[in-house]
Amino acid sequence: MKKVVKKQLKGDEFVSTLTKILRFIEKHTKELIIVAAAIVFFALLSFGLRFLQAQNVKKESLLLSQLLELRSELATKPENIAKLEQLAGKGKYSRLAYVFTATYWVEKGDLEKAKASLARLQAEPKDFVYYQAEDLLAQVNSLEKNYDQAIAIYKRIEEAKTKAYPLDVVLYHKAEALEGKGERQEALTVYKKVQQDFPQSYYGFDAAEKVKKLEAAQ
Protein backbone atom coordinates (compact mmCIF):
# COMPACT_ATOMS: atom_id res chain seq x y z
CA MET A 1 0.00 0.00 0.00
CA LYS A 2 2.82 2.40 0.94
CA LYS A 3 4.57 1.67 -2.36
CA VAL A 4 1.40 2.47 -4.28
CA VAL A 5 0.91 5.75 -2.38
CA LYS A 6 4.56 6.68 -2.86
CA LYS A 7 4.32 5.94 -6.58
CA GLN A 8 1.14 7.98 -6.80
CA LEU A 9 2.81 10.93 -5.04
CA LYS A 10 5.75 10.82 -7.43
CA GLY A 11 3.31 10.77 -10.33
CA ASP A 12 1.43 13.74 -8.95
CA GLU A 13 4.73 15.59 -8.39
CA PHE A 14 5.77 14.91 -12.00
CA VAL A 15 2.40 16.12 -13.28
CA SER A 16 2.60 19.23 -11.08
CA THR A 17 6.14 20.05 -12.28
CA LEU A 18 5.18 19.48 -15.90
CA THR A 19 2.13 21.71 -15.44
CA LYS A 20 4.29 24.48 -14.00
CA ILE A 21 6.71 24.22 -16.90
CA LEU A 22 3.90 24.38 -19.43
CA ARG A 23 2.37 27.38 -17.68
CA PHE A 24 5.78 29.11 -17.60
CA ILE A 25 6.25 28.47 -21.30
CA GLU A 26 2.76 29.71 -22.06
CA LYS A 27 3.30 32.84 -19.99
CA HIS A 28 6.74 33.66 -21.42
CA THR A 29 6.30 32.44 -24.98
CA LYS A 30 7.43 35.72 -26.59
CA GLU A 31 10.52 35.99 -24.42
CA LEU A 32 11.48 32.37 -25.11
CA ILE A 33 11.05 32.87 -28.85
CA ILE A 34 13.35 35.91 -28.70
CA VAL A 35 15.97 33.95 -26.72
CA ALA A 36 15.77 31.02 -29.14
CA ALA A 37 16.06 33.36 -32.11
CA ALA A 38 19.08 35.02 -30.52
CA ILE A 39 20.76 31.63 -29.99
CA VAL A 40 20.11 30.65 -33.61
CA PHE A 41 21.37 34.05 -34.81
CA PHE A 42 24.65 33.83 -32.92
CA ALA A 43 25.13 30.21 -34.00
CA LEU A 44 24.69 31.24 -37.64
CA LEU A 45 26.93 34.26 -37.12
CA SER A 46 29.67 32.07 -35.64
CA PHE A 47 29.34 29.62 -38.54
CA GLY A 48 29.39 32.48 -41.02
CA LEU A 49 32.54 33.96 -39.52
CA ARG A 50 34.31 30.60 -39.59
CA PHE A 51 33.24 30.12 -43.19
CA LEU A 52 34.50 33.58 -44.19
CA GLN A 53 37.80 32.99 -42.38
CA ALA A 54 38.25 29.69 -44.20
CA GLN A 55 37.48 31.37 -47.52
CA ASN A 56 39.92 34.19 -46.73
CA VAL A 57 42.70 31.71 -45.86
CA LYS A 58 42.05 29.89 -49.12
CA LYS A 59 42.13 33.16 -51.06
CA GLU A 60 45.37 34.28 -49.39
CA SER A 61 46.99 30.89 -50.07
CA LEU A 62 46.10 31.10 -53.74
CA LEU A 63 47.49 34.64 -53.88
CA LEU A 64 50.76 33.55 -52.26
CA SER A 65 51.12 30.70 -54.75
CA GLN A 66 50.50 33.12 -57.60
CA LEU A 67 53.06 35.61 -56.28
CA LEU A 68 55.73 32.94 -55.81
CA GLU A 69 55.14 31.58 -59.29
CA LEU A 70 55.37 35.04 -60.87
CA ARG A 71 58.56 35.78 -58.93
CA SER A 72 60.22 32.48 -59.85
CA GLU A 73 59.57 33.10 -63.56
CA LEU A 74 60.74 36.73 -63.64
CA ALA A 75 64.13 35.86 -65.11
CA THR A 76 62.52 34.35 -68.22
CA LYS A 77 59.26 36.31 -68.17
CA PRO A 78 60.07 39.97 -67.35
CA GLU A 79 56.45 40.86 -68.19
CA ASN A 80 55.54 39.29 -64.84
CA ILE A 81 56.77 42.47 -63.12
CA ALA A 82 53.63 44.28 -64.28
CA LYS A 83 51.47 41.50 -62.84
CA LEU A 84 53.31 41.66 -59.53
CA GLU A 85 52.79 45.41 -59.37
CA GLN A 86 49.06 44.91 -59.97
CA LEU A 87 48.83 42.34 -57.16
CA ALA A 88 50.73 44.51 -54.67
CA GLY A 89 48.55 45.96 -51.93
CA LYS A 90 47.76 46.06 -48.20
CA GLY A 91 46.91 42.38 -47.71
CA LYS A 92 48.94 39.85 -45.75
CA TYR A 93 50.61 38.44 -48.86
CA SER A 94 49.93 41.17 -51.39
CA ARG A 95 52.46 43.32 -49.47
CA LEU A 96 55.06 40.73 -50.43
CA ALA A 97 54.69 41.79 -54.05
CA TYR A 98 56.41 45.09 -53.20
CA VAL A 99 59.45 43.17 -51.92
CA PHE A 100 59.49 40.92 -54.99
CA THR A 101 59.33 43.85 -57.40
CA ALA A 102 62.01 45.74 -55.45
CA THR A 103 64.28 42.68 -55.50
CA TYR A 104 63.81 42.41 -59.26
CA TRP A 105 64.80 46.04 -59.79
CA VAL A 106 67.87 45.59 -57.57
CA GLU A 107 68.90 42.61 -59.70
CA LYS A 108 68.45 44.80 -62.79
CA GLY A 109 70.51 47.58 -61.25
CA ASP A 110 67.64 50.07 -61.11
CA LEU A 111 67.94 51.13 -57.48
CA GLU A 112 65.55 54.07 -57.80
CA LYS A 113 62.71 51.81 -58.92
CA ALA A 114 63.60 49.40 -56.11
CA LYS A 115 63.30 52.17 -53.53
CA ALA A 116 60.05 53.35 -55.09
CA SER A 117 58.55 49.85 -54.69
CA LEU A 118 59.66 49.60 -51.08
CA ALA A 119 58.33 53.07 -50.27
CA ARG A 120 54.82 51.92 -51.18
CA LEU A 121 54.81 49.17 -48.54
CA GLN A 122 52.98 50.23 -45.38
CA ALA A 123 54.84 50.23 -42.06
CA GLU A 124 52.13 48.16 -40.35
CA PRO A 125 52.00 45.42 -39.39
CA LYS A 126 55.64 45.06 -38.43
CA ASP A 127 55.90 41.47 -39.58
CA PHE A 128 58.42 39.44 -41.59
CA VAL A 129 57.48 41.22 -44.83
CA TYR A 130 58.02 44.66 -43.25
CA TYR A 131 61.46 43.78 -41.88
CA GLN A 132 62.44 42.06 -45.11
CA ALA A 133 61.60 45.28 -46.92
CA GLU A 134 63.66 47.27 -44.41
CA ASP A 135 66.59 44.89 -44.84
CA LEU A 136 66.38 45.24 -48.62
CA LEU A 137 66.18 49.03 -48.34
CA ALA A 138 69.34 49.03 -46.22
CA GLN A 139 71.09 46.87 -48.81
CA VAL A 140 70.04 49.30 -51.53
CA ASN A 141 71.57 52.13 -49.48
CA SER A 142 74.77 50.12 -49.15
CA LEU A 143 74.87 49.61 -52.92
CA GLU A 144 74.56 53.38 -53.28
CA LYS A 145 77.41 53.69 -50.74
CA ASN A 146 75.04 55.44 -48.35
CA TYR A 147 76.42 53.32 -45.52
CA ASP A 148 75.32 55.54 -42.65
CA GLN A 149 71.68 55.23 -43.70
CA ALA A 150 72.03 51.46 -44.10
CA ILE A 151 73.63 51.09 -40.67
CA ALA A 152 70.90 53.25 -39.12
CA ILE A 153 68.22 50.95 -40.55
CA TYR A 154 69.95 47.86 -39.20
CA LYS A 155 70.35 49.44 -35.78
CA ARG A 156 66.65 50.26 -35.78
CA ILE A 157 65.73 46.66 -36.58
CA GLU A 158 68.16 45.37 -33.97
CA GLU A 159 66.77 47.67 -31.29
CA ALA A 160 63.22 46.57 -32.08
CA LYS A 161 64.19 43.10 -30.77
CA THR A 162 61.65 41.57 -33.09
CA LYS A 163 61.06 37.85 -33.39
CA ALA A 164 59.56 38.34 -36.83
CA TYR A 165 62.92 38.51 -38.61
CA PRO A 166 66.18 36.57 -38.02
CA LEU A 167 68.74 38.58 -36.08
CA ASP A 168 71.73 36.85 -37.69
CA VAL A 169 70.65 38.24 -41.07
CA VAL A 170 70.37 41.76 -39.67
CA LEU A 171 73.73 41.65 -37.89
CA TYR A 172 75.56 40.14 -40.84
CA HIS A 173 74.26 42.78 -43.24
CA LYS A 174 75.06 45.47 -40.68
CA ALA A 175 78.62 44.18 -40.51
CA GLU A 176 78.83 44.29 -44.31
CA ALA A 177 77.72 47.94 -44.26
CA LEU A 178 80.33 48.75 -41.61
CA GLU A 179 82.98 46.98 -43.66
CA GLY A 180 81.92 48.87 -46.78
CA LYS A 181 82.20 52.13 -44.87
CA GLY A 182 85.76 51.23 -43.93
CA GLU A 183 85.05 50.62 -40.24
CA ARG A 184 86.70 47.21 -40.30
CA GLN A 185 87.23 46.83 -36.56
CA GLU A 186 83.56 47.51 -35.86
CA ALA A 187 82.62 45.12 -38.68
CA LEU A 188 84.90 42.44 -37.22
CA THR A 189 83.21 42.79 -33.83
CA VAL A 190 79.76 42.27 -35.36
CA TYR A 191 80.94 39.37 -37.53
CA LYS A 192 82.32 37.69 -34.41
CA LYS A 193 78.98 38.14 -32.66
CA VAL A 194 77.18 36.44 -35.54
CA GLN A 195 79.77 33.64 -35.54
CA GLN A 196 79.43 33.08 -31.79
CA ASP A 197 75.67 33.52 -31.39
CA PHE A 198 74.58 31.72 -34.57
CA PRO A 199 77.29 29.09 -35.25
CA GLN A 200 74.89 26.69 -37.01
CA SER A 201 73.27 29.19 -39.33
CA TYR A 202 74.23 30.05 -42.91
CA TYR A 203 75.24 33.56 -41.84
CA GLY A 204 77.15 32.18 -38.86
CA PHE A 205 79.32 30.17 -41.27
CA ASP A 206 79.85 33.15 -43.59
CA ALA A 207 80.66 35.36 -40.60
CA ALA A 208 83.38 32.92 -39.56
CA GLU A 209 84.93 33.25 -43.02
CA LYS A 210 84.75 37.04 -42.77
CA VAL A 211 86.45 36.97 -39.36
CA LYS A 212 89.34 34.93 -40.77
CA LYS A 213 89.70 37.31 -43.71
CA LEU A 214 89.64 40.52 -41.64
CA GLU A 215 91.96 39.16 -38.95
CA ALA A 216 94.43 38.05 -41.61
CA ALA A 217 94.43 41.57 -43.06
CA GLN A 218 95.34 43.20 -39.73
C-alpha atoms as a PDB file:
ATOM      1  CA  MET A   1       0.000   0.000   0.000  1.00  0.00           C
ATOM      2  CA  LYS A   2       2.817   2.398   0.943  1.00  0.00           C
ATOM      3  CA  LYS A   3       4.566   1.674  -2.361  1.00  0.00           C
ATOM      4  CA  VAL A   4       1.397   2.472  -4.280  1.00  0.00           C
ATOM      5  CA  VAL A   5       0.912   5.746  -2.384  1.00  0.00           C
ATOM      6  CA  LYS A   6       4.559   6.681  -2.863  1.00  0.00           C
ATOM      7  CA  LYS A   7       4.317   5.939  -6.585  1.00  0.00           C
ATOM      8  CA  GLN A   8       1.139   7.982  -6.800  1.00  0.00           C
ATOM      9  CA  LEU A   9       2.808  10.929  -5.036  1.00  0.00           C
ATOM     10  CA  LYS A  10       5.748  10.819  -7.435  1.00  0.00           C
ATOM     11  CA  GLY A  11       3.310  10.765 -10.326  1.00  0.00           C
ATOM     12  CA  ASP A  12       1.426  13.736  -8.947  1.00  0.00           C
ATOM     13  CA  GLU A  13       4.727  15.592  -8.385  1.00  0.00           C
ATOM     14  CA  PHE A  14       5.766  14.914 -11.997  1.00  0.00           C
ATOM     15  CA  VAL A  15       2.405  16.120 -13.284  1.00  0.00           C
ATOM     16  CA  SER A  16       2.605  19.226 -11.078  1.00  0.00           C
ATOM     17  CA  THR A  17       6.143  20.045 -12.277  1.00  0.00           C
ATOM     18  CA  LEU A  18       5.181  19.480 -15.901  1.00  0.00           C
ATOM     19  CA  THR A  19       2.128  21.709 -15.442  1.00  0.00           C
ATOM     20  CA  LYS A  20       4.290  24.480 -13.995  1.00  0.00           C
ATOM     21  CA  ILE A  21       6.711  24.216 -16.901  1.00  0.00           C
ATOM     22  CA  LEU A  22       3.902  24.379 -19.427  1.00  0.00           C
ATOM     23  CA  ARG A  23       2.370  27.383 -17.678  1.00  0.00           C
ATOM     24  CA  PHE A  24       5.778  29.108 -17.598  1.00  0.00           C
ATOM     25  CA  ILE A  25       6.249  28.466 -21.302  1.00  0.00           C
ATOM     26  CA  GLU A  26       2.757  29.708 -22.056  1.00  0.00           C
ATOM     27  CA  LYS A  27       3.301  32.841 -19.987  1.00  0.00           C
ATOM     28  CA  HIS A  28       6.739  33.656 -21.422  1.00  0.00           C
ATOM     29  CA  THR A  29       6.300  32.441 -24.984  1.00  0.00           C
ATOM     30  CA  LYS A  30       7.433  35.718 -26.589  1.00  0.00           C
ATOM     31  CA  GLU A  31      10.525  35.986 -24.417  1.00  0.00           C
ATOM     32  CA  LEU A  32      11.483  32.367 -25.109  1.00  0.00           C
ATOM     33  CA  ILE A  33      11.055  32.869 -28.846  1.00  0.00           C
ATOM     34  CA  ILE A  34      13.351  35.910 -28.696  1.00  0.00           C
ATOM     35  CA  VAL A  35      15.972  33.952 -26.718  1.00  0.00           C
ATOM     36  CA  ALA A  36      15.768  31.016 -29.145  1.00  0.00           C
ATOM     37  CA  ALA A  37      16.059  33.364 -32.113  1.00  0.00           C
ATOM     38  CA  ALA A  38      19.084  35.017 -30.521  1.00  0.00           C
ATOM     39  CA  ILE A  39      20.765  31.628 -29.990  1.00  0.00           C
ATOM     40  CA  VAL A  40      20.112  30.652 -33.606  1.00  0.00           C
ATOM     41  CA  PHE A  41      21.371  34.046 -34.810  1.00  0.00           C
ATOM     42  CA  PHE A  42      24.654  33.830 -32.922  1.00  0.00           C
ATOM     43  CA  ALA A  43      25.129  30.207 -33.998  1.00  0.00           C
ATOM     44  CA  LEU A  44      24.686  31.244 -37.638  1.00  0.00           C
ATOM     45  CA  LEU A  45      26.928  34.262 -37.122  1.00  0.00           C
ATOM     46  CA  SER A  46      29.667  32.067 -35.642  1.00  0.00           C
ATOM     47  CA  PHE A  47      29.341  29.622 -38.539  1.00  0.00           C
ATOM     48  CA  GLY A  48      29.394  32.476 -41.020  1.00  0.00           C
ATOM     49  CA  LEU A  49      32.542  33.960 -39.519  1.00  0.00           C
ATOM     50  CA  ARG A  50      34.306  30.596 -39.591  1.00  0.00           C
ATOM     51  CA  PHE A  51      33.239  30.124 -43.192  1.00  0.00           C
ATOM     52  CA  LEU A  52      34.503  33.576 -44.186  1.00  0.00           C
ATOM     53  CA  GLN A  53      37.796  32.993 -42.379  1.00  0.00           C
ATOM     54  CA  ALA A  54      38.245  29.693 -44.198  1.00  0.00           C
ATOM     55  CA  GLN A  55      37.479  31.368 -47.518  1.00  0.00           C
ATOM     56  CA  ASN A  56      39.921  34.187 -46.733  1.00  0.00           C
ATOM     57  CA  VAL A  57      42.698  31.713 -45.859  1.00  0.00           C
ATOM     58  CA  LYS A  58      42.051  29.886 -49.121  1.00  0.00           C
ATOM     59  CA  LYS A  59      42.128  33.161 -51.064  1.00  0.00           C
ATOM     60  CA  GLU A  60      45.373  34.280 -49.391  1.00  0.00           C
ATOM     61  CA  SER A  61      46.992  30.895 -50.069  1.00  0.00           C
ATOM     62  CA  LEU A  62      46.100  31.096 -53.744  1.00  0.00           C
ATOM     63  CA  LEU A  63      47.494  34.637 -53.885  1.00  0.00           C
ATOM     64  CA  LEU A  64      50.759  33.552 -52.256  1.00  0.00           C
ATOM     65  CA  SER A  65      51.122  30.699 -54.752  1.00  0.00           C
ATOM     66  CA  GLN A  66      50.501  33.121 -57.602  1.00  0.00           C
ATOM     67  CA  LEU A  67      53.065  35.613 -56.277  1.00  0.00           C
ATOM     68  CA  LEU A  68      55.727  32.942 -55.809  1.00  0.00           C
ATOM     69  CA  GLU A  69      55.136  31.582 -59.294  1.00  0.00           C
ATOM     70  CA  LEU A  70      55.367  35.041 -60.869  1.00  0.00           C
ATOM     71  CA  ARG A  71      58.560  35.783 -58.930  1.00  0.00           C
ATOM     72  CA  SER A  72      60.220  32.480 -59.854  1.00  0.00           C
ATOM     73  CA  GLU A  73      59.568  33.102 -63.560  1.00  0.00           C
ATOM     74  CA  LEU A  74      60.736  36.729 -63.642  1.00  0.00           C
ATOM     75  CA  ALA A  75      64.129  35.860 -65.111  1.00  0.00           C
ATOM     76  CA  THR A  76      62.523  34.354 -68.218  1.00  0.00           C
ATOM     77  CA  LYS A  77      59.260  36.314 -68.165  1.00  0.00           C
ATOM     78  CA  PRO A  78      60.067  39.972 -67.346  1.00  0.00           C
ATOM     79  CA  GLU A  79      56.453  40.860 -68.193  1.00  0.00           C
ATOM     80  CA  ASN A  80      55.545  39.293 -64.835  1.00  0.00           C
ATOM     81  CA  ILE A  81      56.765  42.468 -63.120  1.00  0.00           C
ATOM     82  CA  ALA A  82      53.630  44.278 -64.276  1.00  0.00           C
ATOM     83  CA  LYS A  83      51.467  41.496 -62.841  1.00  0.00           C
ATOM     84  CA  LEU A  84      53.315  41.663 -59.530  1.00  0.00           C
ATOM     85  CA  GLU A  85      52.790  45.409 -59.373  1.00  0.00           C
ATOM     86  CA  GLN A  86      49.062  44.907 -59.970  1.00  0.00           C
ATOM     87  CA  LEU A  87      48.831  42.340 -57.163  1.00  0.00           C
ATOM     88  CA  ALA A  88      50.727  44.510 -54.670  1.00  0.00           C
ATOM     89  CA  GLY A  89      48.552  45.960 -51.929  1.00  0.00           C
ATOM     90  CA  LYS A  90      47.761  46.061 -48.198  1.00  0.00           C
ATOM     91  CA  GLY A  91      46.912  42.379 -47.710  1.00  0.00           C
ATOM     92  CA  LYS A  92      48.942  39.848 -45.751  1.00  0.00           C
ATOM     93  CA  TYR A  93      50.612  38.438 -48.856  1.00  0.00           C
ATOM     94  CA  SER A  94      49.931  41.170 -51.393  1.00  0.00           C
ATOM     95  CA  ARG A  95      52.459  43.320 -49.471  1.00  0.00           C
ATOM     96  CA  LEU A  96      55.063  40.727 -50.428  1.00  0.00           C
ATOM     97  CA  ALA A  97      54.686  41.789 -54.047  1.00  0.00           C
ATOM     98  CA  TYR A  98      56.414  45.094 -53.198  1.00  0.00           C
ATOM     99  CA  VAL A  99      59.448  43.171 -51.920  1.00  0.00           C
ATOM    100  CA  PHE A 100      59.491  40.925 -54.989  1.00  0.00           C
ATOM    101  CA  THR A 101      59.334  43.852 -57.398  1.00  0.00           C
ATOM    102  CA  ALA A 102      62.008  45.742 -55.454  1.00  0.00           C
ATOM    103  CA  THR A 103      64.278  42.679 -55.499  1.00  0.00           C
ATOM    104  CA  TYR A 104      63.812  42.408 -59.259  1.00  0.00           C
ATOM    105  CA  TRP A 105      64.804  46.044 -59.790  1.00  0.00           C
ATOM    106  CA  VAL A 106      67.868  45.592 -57.573  1.00  0.00           C
ATOM    107  CA  GLU A 107      68.901  42.613 -59.702  1.00  0.00           C
ATOM    108  CA  LYS A 108      68.446  44.799 -62.794  1.00  0.00           C
ATOM    109  CA  GLY A 109      70.514  47.579 -61.245  1.00  0.00           C
ATOM    110  CA  ASP A 110      67.641  50.072 -61.107  1.00  0.00           C
ATOM    111  CA  LEU A 111      67.936  51.126 -57.478  1.00  0.00           C
ATOM    112  CA  GLU A 112      65.545  54.068 -57.795  1.00  0.00           C
ATOM    113  CA  LYS A 113      62.711  51.805 -58.921  1.00  0.00           C
ATOM    114  CA  ALA A 114      63.599  49.402 -56.114  1.00  0.00           C
ATOM    115  CA  LYS A 115      63.301  52.170 -53.534  1.00  0.00           C
ATOM    116  CA  ALA A 116      60.046  53.354 -55.088  1.00  0.00           C
ATOM    117  CA  SER A 117      58.554  49.854 -54.693  1.00  0.00           C
ATOM    118  CA  LEU A 118      59.661  49.601 -51.079  1.00  0.00           C
ATOM    119  CA  ALA A 119      58.329  53.071 -50.272  1.00  0.00           C
ATOM    120  CA  ARG A 120      54.815  51.916 -51.178  1.00  0.00           C
ATOM    121  CA  LEU A 121      54.811  49.167 -48.538  1.00  0.00           C
ATOM    122  CA  GLN A 122      52.982  50.229 -45.383  1.00  0.00           C
ATOM    123  CA  ALA A 123      54.836  50.233 -42.065  1.00  0.00           C
ATOM    124  CA  GLU A 124      52.131  48.164 -40.352  1.00  0.00           C
ATOM    125  CA  PRO A 125      52.000  45.422 -39.393  1.00  0.00           C
ATOM    126  CA  LYS A 126      55.643  45.060 -38.434  1.00  0.00           C
ATOM    127  CA  ASP A 127      55.901  41.471 -39.580  1.00  0.00           C
ATOM    128  CA  PHE A 128      58.415  39.444 -41.588  1.00  0.00           C
ATOM    129  CA  VAL A 129      57.485  41.218 -44.829  1.00  0.00           C
ATOM    130  CA  TYR A 130      58.015  44.660 -43.252  1.00  0.00           C
ATOM    131  CA  TYR A 131      61.458  43.781 -41.885  1.00  0.00           C
ATOM    132  CA  GLN A 132      62.441  42.057 -45.107  1.00  0.00           C
ATOM    133  CA  ALA A 133      61.601  45.282 -46.923  1.00  0.00           C
ATOM    134  CA  GLU A 134      63.657  47.270 -44.406  1.00  0.00           C
ATOM    135  CA  ASP A 135      66.592  44.886 -44.837  1.00  0.00           C
ATOM    136  CA  LEU A 136      66.385  45.239 -48.616  1.00  0.00           C
ATOM    137  CA  LEU A 137      66.180  49.030 -48.340  1.00  0.00           C
ATOM    138  CA  ALA A 138      69.337  49.031 -46.219  1.00  0.00           C
ATOM    139  CA  GLN A 139      71.090  46.869 -48.812  1.00  0.00           C
ATOM    140  CA  VAL A 140      70.040  49.305 -51.534  1.00  0.00           C
ATOM    141  CA  ASN A 141      71.571  52.132 -49.477  1.00  0.00           C
ATOM    142  CA  SER A 142      74.768  50.118 -49.147  1.00  0.00           C
ATOM    143  CA  LEU A 143      74.870  49.610 -52.919  1.00  0.00           C
ATOM    144  CA  GLU A 144      74.562  53.383 -53.278  1.00  0.00           C
ATOM    145  CA  LYS A 145      77.410  53.692 -50.740  1.00  0.00           C
ATOM    146  CA  ASN A 146      75.036  55.438 -48.352  1.00  0.00           C
ATOM    147  CA  TYR A 147      76.422  53.323 -45.521  1.00  0.00           C
ATOM    148  CA  ASP A 148      75.320  55.545 -42.654  1.00  0.00           C
ATOM    149  CA  GLN A 149      71.675  55.227 -43.695  1.00  0.00           C
ATOM    150  CA  ALA A 150      72.035  51.463 -44.105  1.00  0.00           C
ATOM    151  CA  ILE A 151      73.630  51.090 -40.665  1.00  0.00           C
ATOM    152  CA  ALA A 152      70.896  53.254 -39.117  1.00  0.00           C
ATOM    153  CA  ILE A 153      68.218  50.947 -40.550  1.00  0.00           C
ATOM    154  CA  TYR A 154      69.945  47.856 -39.202  1.00  0.00           C
ATOM    155  CA  LYS A 155      70.354  49.436 -35.778  1.00  0.00           C
ATOM    156  CA  ARG A 156      66.650  50.263 -35.775  1.00  0.00           C
ATOM    157  CA  ILE A 157      65.726  46.663 -36.580  1.00  0.00           C
ATOM    158  CA  GLU A 158      68.164  45.368 -33.974  1.00  0.00           C
ATOM    159  CA  GLU A 159      66.765  47.670 -31.285  1.00  0.00           C
ATOM    160  CA  ALA A 160      63.216  46.571 -32.082  1.00  0.00           C
ATOM    161  CA  LYS A 161      64.187  43.101 -30.772  1.00  0.00           C
ATOM    162  CA  THR A 162      61.654  41.575 -33.095  1.00  0.00           C
ATOM    163  CA  LYS A 163      61.060  37.848 -33.387  1.00  0.00           C
ATOM    164  CA  ALA A 164      59.562  38.338 -36.832  1.00  0.00           C
ATOM    165  CA  TYR A 165      62.923  38.511 -38.612  1.00  0.00           C
ATOM    166  CA  PRO A 166      66.175  36.565 -38.021  1.00  0.00           C
ATOM    167  CA  LEU A 167      68.741  38.580 -36.082  1.00  0.00           C
ATOM    168  CA  ASP A 168      71.731  36.851 -37.687  1.00  0.00           C
ATOM    169  CA  VAL A 169      70.652  38.236 -41.072  1.00  0.00           C
ATOM    170  CA  VAL A 170      70.371  41.761 -39.666  1.00  0.00           C
ATOM    171  CA  LEU A 171      73.730  41.654 -37.886  1.00  0.00           C
ATOM    172  CA  TYR A 172      75.560  40.139 -40.843  1.00  0.00           C
ATOM    173  CA  HIS A 173      74.263  42.776 -43.239  1.00  0.00           C
ATOM    174  CA  LYS A 174      75.055  45.471 -40.677  1.00  0.00           C
ATOM    175  CA  ALA A 175      78.624  44.178 -40.514  1.00  0.00           C
ATOM    176  CA  GLU A 176      78.828  44.293 -44.312  1.00  0.00           C
ATOM    177  CA  ALA A 177      77.717  47.935 -44.265  1.00  0.00           C
ATOM    178  CA  LEU A 178      80.329  48.754 -41.610  1.00  0.00           C
ATOM    179  CA  GLU A 179      82.981  46.983 -43.664  1.00  0.00           C
ATOM    180  CA  GLY A 180      81.918  48.869 -46.782  1.00  0.00           C
ATOM    181  CA  LYS A 181      82.200  52.129 -44.870  1.00  0.00           C
ATOM    182  CA  GLY A 182      85.762  51.234 -43.928  1.00  0.00           C
ATOM    183  CA  GLU A 183      85.054  50.616 -40.239  1.00  0.00           C
ATOM    184  CA  ARG A 184      86.703  47.207 -40.295  1.00  0.00           C
ATOM    185  CA  GLN A 185      87.228  46.826 -36.561  1.00  0.00           C
ATOM    186  CA  GLU A 186      83.565  47.513 -35.860  1.00  0.00           C
ATOM    187  CA  ALA A 187      82.617  45.123 -38.677  1.00  0.00           C
ATOM    188  CA  LEU A 188      84.904  42.443 -37.217  1.00  0.00           C
ATOM    189  CA  THR A 189      83.210  42.789 -33.831  1.00  0.00           C
ATOM    190  CA  VAL A 190      79.760  42.268 -35.360  1.00  0.00           C
ATOM    191  CA  TYR A 191      80.939  39.367 -37.533  1.00  0.00           C
ATOM    192  CA  LYS A 192      82.322  37.690 -34.408  1.00  0.00           C
ATOM    193  CA  LYS A 193      78.981  38.140 -32.658  1.00  0.00           C
ATOM    194  CA  VAL A 194      77.181  36.435 -35.535  1.00  0.00           C
ATOM    195  CA  GLN A 195      79.771  33.645 -35.540  1.00  0.00           C
ATOM    196  CA  GLN A 196      79.431  33.079 -31.794  1.00  0.00           C
ATOM    197  CA  ASP A 197      75.666  33.518 -31.392  1.00  0.00           C
ATOM    198  CA  PHE A 198      74.577  31.720 -34.568  1.00  0.00           C
ATOM    199  CA  PRO A 199      77.287  29.086 -35.252  1.00  0.00           C
ATOM    200  CA  GLN A 200      74.887  26.688 -37.008  1.00  0.00           C
ATOM    201  CA  SER A 201      73.271  29.195 -39.325  1.00  0.00           C
ATOM    202  CA  TYR A 202      74.230  30.050 -42.912  1.00  0.00           C
ATOM    203  CA  TYR A 203      75.245  33.558 -41.837  1.00  0.00           C
ATOM    204  CA  GLY A 204      77.154  32.180 -38.864  1.00  0.00           C
ATOM    205  CA  PHE A 205      79.317  30.165 -41.271  1.00  0.00           C
ATOM    206  CA  ASP A 206      79.849  33.150 -43.591  1.00  0.00           C
ATOM    207  CA  ALA A 207      80.656  35.359 -40.603  1.00  0.00           C
ATOM    208  CA  ALA A 208      83.384  32.920 -39.557  1.00  0.00           C
ATOM    209  CA  GLU A 209      84.927  33.253 -43.021  1.00  0.00           C
ATOM    210  CA  LYS A 210      84.755  37.040 -42.768  1.00  0.00           C
ATOM    211  CA  VAL A 211      86.447  36.969 -39.359  1.00  0.00           C
ATOM    212  CA  LYS A 212      89.344  34.935 -40.774  1.00  0.00           C
ATOM    213  CA  LYS A 213      89.701  37.314 -43.711  1.00  0.00           C
ATOM    214  CA  LEU A 214      89.637  40.520 -41.640  1.00  0.00           C
ATOM    215  CA  GLU A 215      91.958  39.160 -38.947  1.00  0.00           C
ATOM    216  CA  ALA A 216      94.433  38.051 -41.613  1.00  0.00           C
ATOM    217  CA  ALA A 217      94.428  41.570 -43.058  1.00  0.00           C
ATOM    218  CA  GLN A 218      95.339  43.197 -39.727  1.00  0.00           C
END
